Amino acid sequence: MGRSMDEETGKHGGVGQQRGGTAETLDIGGSIGTSLKALYRSLEQEPVPELFLNLLEKLDEAEAAAKVPSKGGVPL
């Protein structure tokens, strides 16, 4: 029958592999996390596009108009 360990490398693999990983795996995860944080910080510094600001303004106006009851009508 099959063995649960790779015969050539002596390492366990597949579905039942334990979490935690090696120092190399943890270092890669830390590196990815650091890179993502740096990317997020740079995105925070970018200005909001004018088109998006205009859309938000239109949404605010539409919400305000929806709150004002029309003459003789029931607000939705």
C-alpha atoms as a PDB file:
ATOM      1  CA  MET A   1       0.000   0.000   0.000  1.00  0.00           C
ATOM      2  CA  GLY A   2       0.997   3.684  -0.274  1.00  0.00           C
ATOM      3  CA  ARG A   3       3.190   5.463   2.201  1.00  0.00           C
ATOM      4  CA  SER A   4       2.340   8.813   3.805  1.00  0.00           C
ATOM      5  CA  MET A   5       5.868  10.104   3.369  1.00  0.00           C
ATOM      6  CA  ASP A   6       7.588  10.984   0.098  1.00  0.00           C
ATOM      7  CA  GLU A   7      10.125   8.223  -0.302  1.00  0.00           C
ATOM      8  CA  GLU A   8      12.709  10.439  -2.016  1.00  0.00           C
ATOM      9  CA  THR A   9      12.626  13.493   0.235  1.00  0.00           C
ATOM     10  CA  GLY A  10      11.359  11.981   3.478  1.00  0.00           C
ATOM     11  CA  LYS A  11       8.862  14.827   3.821  1.00  0.00           C
ATOM     12  CA  HIS A  12       5.186  14.555   4.534  1.00  0.00           C
ATOM     13  CA  GLY A  13       2.944  16.142   1.953  1.00  0.00           C
ATOM     14  CA  GLY A  14      -0.603  16.393   0.736  1.00  0.00           C
ATOM     15  CA  VAL A  15      -3.853  17.066   2.518  1.00  0.00           C
ATOM     16  CA  GLY A  16      -2.767  16.074   6.005  1.00  0.00           C
ATOM     17  CA  GLN A  17       0.247  18.402   6.112  1.00  0.00           C
ATOM     18  CA  GLN A  18       0.626  20.196   9.436  1.00  0.00           C
ATOM     19  CA  ARG A  19       0.286  23.946   9.778  1.00  0.00           C
ATOM     20  CA  GLY A  20       3.026  26.154  11.097  1.00  0.00           C
ATOM     21  CA  GLY A  21       5.596  25.516   8.423  1.00  0.00           C
ATOM     22  CA  THR A  22       9.304  25.943   8.375  1.00  0.00           C
ATOM     23  CA  ALA A  23      11.284  29.088   9.011  1.00  0.00           C
ATOM     24  CA  GLU A  24      11.456  29.604   5.237  1.00  0.00           C
ATOM     25  CA  THR A  25       7.660  29.423   4.907  1.00  0.00           C
ATOM     26  CA  LEU A  26       7.182  31.844   7.798  1.00  0.00           C
ATOM     27  CA  ASP A  27       9.755  34.224   6.283  1.00  0.00           C
ATOM     28  CA  ILE A  28       7.885  34.216   2.958  1.00  0.00           C
ATOM     29  CA  GLY A  29       4.617  34.936   4.771  1.00  0.00           C
ATOM     30  CA  GLY A  30       6.229  37.812   6.648  1.00  0.00           C
ATOM     31  CA  SER A  31       7.692  39.167   3.435  1.00  0.00           C
ATOM     32  CA  ILE A  32       4.298  39.068   1.720  1.00  0.00           C
ATOM     33  CA  GLY A  33       2.695  40.797   4.705  1.00  0.00           C
ATOM     34  CA  THR A  34       5.320  43.529   4.709  1.00  0.00           C
ATOM     35  CA  SER A  35       4.894  44.080   0.972  1.00  0.00           C
ATOM     36  CA  LEU A  36       1.105  44.287   1.267  1.00  0.00           C
ATOM     37  CA  LYS A  37       1.360  46.806   4.116  1.00  0.00           C
ATOM     38  CA  ALA A  38       3.711  48.974   2.050  1.00  0.00           C
ATOM     39  CA  LEU A  39       1.343  48.822  -0.925  1.00  0.00           C
ATOM     40  CA  TYR A  40      -1.629  49.761   1.258  1.00  0.00           C
ATOM     41  CA  ARG A  41       0.276  52.715   2.753  1.00  0.00           C
ATOM     42  CA  SER A  42       1.079  54.011  -0.732  1.00  0.00           C
ATOM     43  CA  LEU A  43      -2.579  53.678  -1.781  1.00  0.00           C
ATOM     44  CA  GLU A  44      -3.673  55.668   1.264  1.00  0.00           C
ATOM     45  CA  GLN A  45      -1.567  58.595   0.045  1.00  0.00           C
ATOM     46  CA  GLU A  46      -3.182  58.753  -3.403  1.00  0.00           C
ATOM     47  CA  PRO A  47      -5.945  61.328  -3.908  1.00  0.00           C
ATOM     48  CA  VAL A  48      -9.522  60.210  -4.450  1.00  0.00           C
ATOM     49  CA  PRO A  49     -10.356  60.418  -8.176  1.00  0.00           C
ATOM     50  CA  GLU A  50     -12.612  63.337  -9.147  1.00  0.00           C
ATOM     51  CA  LEU A  51     -15.082  60.992 -10.862  1.00  0.00           C
ATOM     52  CA  PHE A  52     -15.552  59.050  -7.627  1.00  0.00           C
ATOM     53  CA  LEU A  53     -16.055  62.257  -5.641  1.00  0.00           C
ATOM     54  CA  ASN A  54     -18.712  63.372  -8.163  1.00  0.00           C
ATOM     55  CA  LEU A  55     -20.517  60.046  -7.830  1.00  0.00           C
ATOM     56  CA  LEU A  56     -20.532  60.342  -4.042  1.00  0.00           C
ATOM     57  CA  GLU A  57     -21.932  63.869  -4.301  1.00  0.00           C
ATOM     58  CA  LYS A  58     -24.733  62.666  -6.601  1.00  0.00           C
ATOM     59  CA  LEU A  59     -25.527  59.851  -4.175  1.00  0.00           C
ATOM     60  CA  ASP A  60     -25.747  62.314  -1.282  1.00  0.00           C
ATOM     61  CA  GLU A  61     -28.097  64.523  -3.333  1.00  0.00           C
ATOM     62  CA  ALA A  62     -30.285  61.536  -4.277  1.00  0.00           C
ATOM     63  CA  GLU A  63     -30.503  60.413  -0.649  1.00  0.00           C
ATOM     64  CA  ALA A  64     -31.417  63.920   0.493  1.00  0.00           C
ATOM     65  CA  ALA A  65     -34.089  64.190  -2.210  1.00  0.00           C
ATOM     66  CA  ALA A  66     -35.559  60.826  -1.195  1.00  0.00           C
ATOM     67  CA  LYS A  67     -35.957  62.042   2.403  1.00  0.00           C
ATOM     68  CA  VAL A  68     -37.961  65.137   1.411  1.00  0.00           C
ATOM     69  CA  PRO A  69     -41.637  64.163   1.131  1.00  0.00           C
ATOM     70  CA  SER A  70     -43.312  65.171  -2.117  1.00  0.00           C
ATOM     71  CA  LYS A  71     -46.527  67.230  -2.107  1.00  0.00           C
ATOM     72  CA  GLY A  72     -49.328  64.993  -0.906  1.00  0.00           C
ATOM     73  CA  GLY A  73     -47.271  61.867  -1.387  1.00  0.00           C
ATOM     74  CA  VAL A  74     -45.900  59.331   0.989  1.00  0.00           C
ATOM     75  CA  PRO A  75     -42.084  59.178   1.209  1.00  0.00           C
ATOM     76  CA  LEU A  76     -40.540  55.953   0.040  1.00  0.00           C
END
